[in-house]
Every structure is written in structure tokens, then in C-alpha cells.
């Protein structure tokens, strides 16, 4: 598999959210604003790419009996770095994201990619897979938050784009809207895939 195929596979063909239905808790929780979604996606991509790289580096030296614990500790270290950077540089966004940044540690996407890819492939391939899977996750977050922020607040990235004539849809800023939008996105993508494939 080429590096490009590894990236595209992680980002689209085996997208963790719409193909494997992983990481949906954070997908539902942080998608009311595009900026929150972007920051969450970048944080997860950072942690996923570097933890995959690190796990791959030590894969041949990690005993099977402690592999999952070692993977969790590596992921936790990178998530803590993300959390510290957010608290120092973007305190308002850090407060808005709340506990969801810390919960990246237990995000199924990271554990899934660590077990399915990083524990079997070389470090550079694992890094690219992590970036691809993170980009796919971020894409899903941005698509859902685009719809929710536009219809719920009349804005995109906090900038008002719909005029005073627009009446905000309060349902769009509530959690159920994220659930239904994610369900529709998964249905549309998988339905199209099966028709073509």
C-alpha cells in the first residue's frame, strides 16, 4: 500500500466515524460550533498520529500481556499535551470542550487504530494512518458543525452569515440534532457506497 493509499484509507474508505461507528460521543458533544469541532479534530489528530507513531516504534518490544496498558499510557501522554496546550493558549475553547479533550484517551478511534494498524505496521506508515484517520474524524465533525452552527446560530466560525431575517433553529444547538445529523450522514455515505460498490 502506498503512503497516499494509507492516508485515503484512514480518512475515507475506513473512516472511523461513518464506516466503523467509533468516536461518536465526542462527535455528538462538540459539534455545535465549527471552531470547537476544528480544535477537537486537530487535537485528536495530533494525539492519534503521534501515539500511532510511538506505538509502532515500540511494537516489537512490548510484551503482549501489557500491550493495551502501554498503548493507553502513550495515548494519555499525548492527550495531556493537547490539554495543556489548549488550557495555556485557548482557555475559552478549553472550557467549552470541557471533559471531552481528556476523554480522547478512551476514544475508540485511538485504541482501534493503535490495535488495528500501529501495532502491525512501520512507524511512518502508522503516522500517516493516524493523520488520515484524524483528518476523517475532523471532516465529520466539521460537516455536522457546519449545519448545526449555520442553522442554530446563523454563523460560521462565530461570524454571522445569515442576516436579521433569519430565525435561529433552537433544535440545532441541542444534542439530538447532532445525533440525527450524524445518523443521516452515515446513512447517505453508506447507502451511496453500497450502490456503487
Protein backbone atom coordinates (compact mmCIF):
# COMPACT_ATOMS: atom_id res chain seq x y z
CA UNK A 1 0.00 0.00 0.00
CA UNK A 2 1.36 3.44 -0.91
CA UNK A 3 1.51 6.31 1.59
CA UNK A 4 -1.34 8.00 -0.28
CA UNK A 5 -3.47 4.85 -0.04
CA UNK A 6 -2.77 4.60 3.69
CA UNK A 7 -3.93 8.21 4.18
CA UNK A 8 -7.05 7.83 1.99
CA UNK A 9 -7.91 4.53 3.63
CA UNK A 10 -7.81 6.08 7.12
CA UNK A 11 -9.59 9.26 6.11
CA UNK A 12 -12.32 7.94 3.80
CA UNK A 13 -12.52 4.23 2.96
CA UNK A 14 -12.31 3.10 6.60
CA UNK A 15 -13.40 6.35 8.21
CA UNK A 16 -13.70 5.62 11.91
CA UNK A 17 -16.95 7.53 12.33
CA UNK A 18 -19.03 6.72 9.26
CA UNK A 19 -17.70 3.23 8.49
CA UNK A 20 -16.81 1.83 11.91
CA UNK A 21 -19.15 3.97 14.06
CA UNK A 22 -16.35 4.86 16.51
CA UNK A 23 -15.83 8.10 18.43
CA UNK A 24 -19.42 9.21 18.17
CA UNK A 25 -19.67 10.52 21.75
CA UNK A 26 -17.33 13.42 21.04
CA UNK A 27 -18.85 13.77 17.58
CA UNK A 28 -22.23 14.41 19.19
CA UNK A 29 -20.89 16.56 22.03
CA UNK A 30 -18.67 19.22 20.43
CA UNK A 31 -20.30 19.90 17.06
CA UNK A 32 -22.48 22.88 17.94
CA UNK A 33 -19.73 25.31 16.83
CA UNK A 34 -17.27 24.89 13.95
CA UNK A 35 -14.33 26.32 15.90
CA UNK A 36 -14.84 23.78 18.71
CA UNK A 37 -15.06 20.99 16.13
CA UNK A 38 -11.89 22.12 14.38
CA UNK A 39 -9.91 22.35 17.62
CA UNK A 40 -11.20 18.97 18.81
CA UNK A 41 -10.37 17.42 15.44
CA UNK A 42 -6.86 18.87 15.41
CA UNK A 43 -6.27 17.73 18.99
CA UNK A 44 -7.41 14.21 18.21
CA UNK A 45 -5.33 14.14 15.00
CA UNK A 46 -2.23 15.25 16.91
CA UNK A 47 -2.73 12.63 19.62
CA UNK A 48 -3.67 9.90 17.14
CA UNK A 49 -0.78 10.49 14.74
CA UNK A 50 1.93 10.73 17.38
CA UNK A 51 0.61 7.90 19.54
CA UNK A 52 0.36 5.64 16.45
CA UNK A 53 3.94 6.56 15.55
CA UNK A 54 5.18 5.86 19.09
CA UNK A 55 3.22 2.62 19.47
CA UNK A 56 4.61 1.43 16.15
CA UNK A 57 8.17 2.30 17.22
CA UNK A 58 7.97 0.03 20.27
CA UNK A 59 5.63 -2.63 18.86
CA UNK A 60 8.31 -5.31 18.68
CA UNK A 61 9.47 -4.65 22.26
CA UNK A 62 6.09 -4.51 24.01
CA UNK A 63 5.02 -7.82 25.59
CA UNK A 64 1.54 -8.91 24.60
CA UNK A 65 0.44 -9.05 28.23
CA UNK A 66 0.93 -5.29 28.74
CA UNK A 67 0.34 -4.04 25.19
CA UNK A 68 -3.04 -2.39 25.87
CA UNK A 69 -1.77 -0.71 29.03
CA UNK A 70 1.29 0.60 27.20
CA UNK A 71 -0.88 1.91 24.36
CA UNK A 72 -3.21 3.67 26.80
CA UNK A 73 -0.28 5.31 28.59
CA UNK A 74 1.22 6.54 25.31
CA UNK A 75 -2.13 7.92 24.15
CA UNK A 76 -2.69 9.56 27.57
CA UNK A 77 0.69 11.31 27.37
CA UNK A 78 -0.15 12.93 24.03
CA UNK A 79 -3.69 13.84 25.13
CA UNK A 80 -2.27 15.54 28.24
CA UNK A 81 0.00 17.59 25.96
CA UNK A 82 -3.05 18.63 23.91
CA UNK A 83 -4.97 19.52 27.08
CA UNK A 84 -2.09 21.61 28.48
CA UNK A 85 -1.65 23.50 25.19
CA UNK A 86 -5.39 24.23 24.98
CA UNK A 87 -5.53 25.46 28.58
CA UNK A 88 -2.49 27.69 28.03
CA UNK A 89 -3.23 29.06 24.55
CA UNK A 90 -7.01 28.77 24.13
CA UNK A 91 -8.55 28.81 27.64
CA UNK A 92 -12.06 29.73 26.44
CA UNK A 93 -12.21 26.86 23.96
CA UNK A 94 -10.68 24.55 26.56
CA UNK A 95 -13.59 25.40 28.90
CA UNK A 96 -16.15 24.89 26.11
CA UNK A 97 -14.74 21.49 25.19
CA UNK A 98 -14.66 20.60 28.89
CA UNK A 99 -14.01 16.96 29.69
CA UNK A 100 -14.15 15.84 26.06
CA UNK A 101 -10.48 16.62 25.47
CA UNK A 102 -9.48 14.36 28.35
CA UNK A 103 -11.81 11.68 27.05
CA UNK A 104 -9.74 11.45 23.87
CA UNK A 105 -7.68 8.98 25.91
CA UNK A 106 -10.53 6.48 25.87
CA UNK A 107 -11.72 7.37 22.37
CA UNK A 108 -12.27 4.17 20.44
CA UNK A 109 -10.68 5.69 17.33
CA UNK A 110 -7.27 5.92 19.01
CA UNK A 111 -7.41 2.49 20.58
CA UNK A 112 -8.81 0.99 17.37
CA UNK A 113 -6.10 2.46 15.13
CA UNK A 114 -3.40 1.54 17.66
CA UNK A 115 -4.53 -2.08 17.66
CA UNK A 116 -5.50 -2.43 14.00
CA UNK A 117 -2.64 -0.53 12.38
CA UNK A 118 0.12 0.85 14.60
CA UNK A 119 0.81 -2.45 16.33
CA UNK A 120 1.43 -4.14 12.96
CA UNK A 121 2.96 -1.59 10.59
CA UNK A 122 6.14 0.57 10.47
CA UNK A 123 6.26 3.96 12.25
CA UNK A 124 5.97 6.23 9.19
CA UNK A 125 3.00 4.28 7.82
CA UNK A 126 1.39 4.41 11.26
CA UNK A 127 1.93 8.18 11.46
CA UNK A 128 0.29 8.65 8.05
CA UNK A 129 -2.59 6.37 9.04
CA UNK A 130 -3.06 8.40 12.23
CA UNK A 131 -3.12 11.66 10.28
CA UNK A 132 -5.60 10.18 7.80
CA UNK A 133 -7.92 8.81 10.47
CA UNK A 134 -7.73 12.12 12.34
CA UNK A 135 -8.50 14.06 9.15
CA UNK A 136 -11.52 11.84 8.50
CA UNK A 137 -12.76 12.39 12.05
CA UNK A 138 -12.25 16.15 11.72
CA UNK A 139 -14.13 16.17 8.40
CA UNK A 140 -17.16 14.51 10.00
CA UNK A 141 -17.09 17.00 12.90
CA UNK A 142 -16.87 19.98 10.55
CA UNK A 143 -19.71 18.78 8.30
CA UNK A 144 -22.05 18.32 11.26
CA UNK A 145 -20.98 21.54 12.98
CA UNK A 146 -21.37 23.49 9.72
CA UNK A 147 -25.06 22.58 9.59
CA UNK A 148 -25.64 23.00 13.34
CA UNK A 149 -23.92 26.37 13.66
CA UNK A 150 -25.38 27.78 10.44
CA UNK A 151 -28.98 26.89 11.27
CA UNK A 152 -28.68 27.17 15.06
CA UNK A 153 -26.78 30.48 15.31
CA UNK A 154 -26.79 31.85 11.74
CA UNK A 155 -22.99 31.94 11.83
CA UNK A 156 -19.89 30.03 10.70
CA UNK A 157 -16.75 30.05 12.88
CA UNK A 158 -18.53 32.66 15.00
CA UNK A 159 -19.04 35.09 12.10
CA UNK A 160 -22.68 35.97 11.41
CA UNK A 161 -23.51 34.94 7.83
CA UNK A 162 -27.31 34.94 7.91
CA UNK A 163 -28.98 38.30 8.27
CA UNK A 164 -31.57 39.54 10.74
CA UNK A 165 -34.27 37.91 8.61
CA UNK A 166 -33.05 34.50 9.80
CA UNK A 167 -34.75 32.84 12.77
CA UNK A 168 -32.34 30.52 14.58
CA UNK A 169 -33.46 26.93 14.92
CA UNK A 170 -33.02 26.20 18.62
CA UNK A 171 -33.17 22.44 17.97
CA UNK A 172 -29.87 22.71 16.10
CA UNK A 173 -27.93 23.73 19.21
CA UNK A 174 -29.33 20.80 21.20
CA UNK A 175 -27.67 17.38 21.32
CA UNK A 176 -30.47 15.50 19.47
CA UNK A 177 -29.72 17.43 16.28
CA UNK A 178 -26.15 16.12 16.27
CA UNK A 179 -27.45 12.59 16.67
CA UNK A 180 -29.87 12.89 13.73
CA UNK A 181 -27.34 14.68 11.50
CA UNK A 182 -24.71 12.02 12.20
CA UNK A 183 -27.24 9.26 11.51
CA UNK A 184 -28.22 10.89 8.19
CA UNK A 185 -24.57 11.36 7.21
CA UNK A 186 -23.77 7.71 7.95
CA UNK A 187 -26.85 6.57 6.02
CA UNK A 188 -26.10 8.76 2.97
CA UNK A 189 -22.45 7.72 2.75
CA UNK A 190 -23.03 4.01 3.34
CA UNK A 191 -26.05 3.91 1.02
CA UNK A 192 -24.02 5.53 -1.77
CA UNK A 193 -21.11 3.19 -1.11
CA UNK A 194 -23.20 0.06 -1.40
CA UNK A 195 -24.88 1.24 -4.60
CA UNK A 196 -21.55 1.99 -6.23
CA UNK A 197 -19.66 -0.98 -4.74
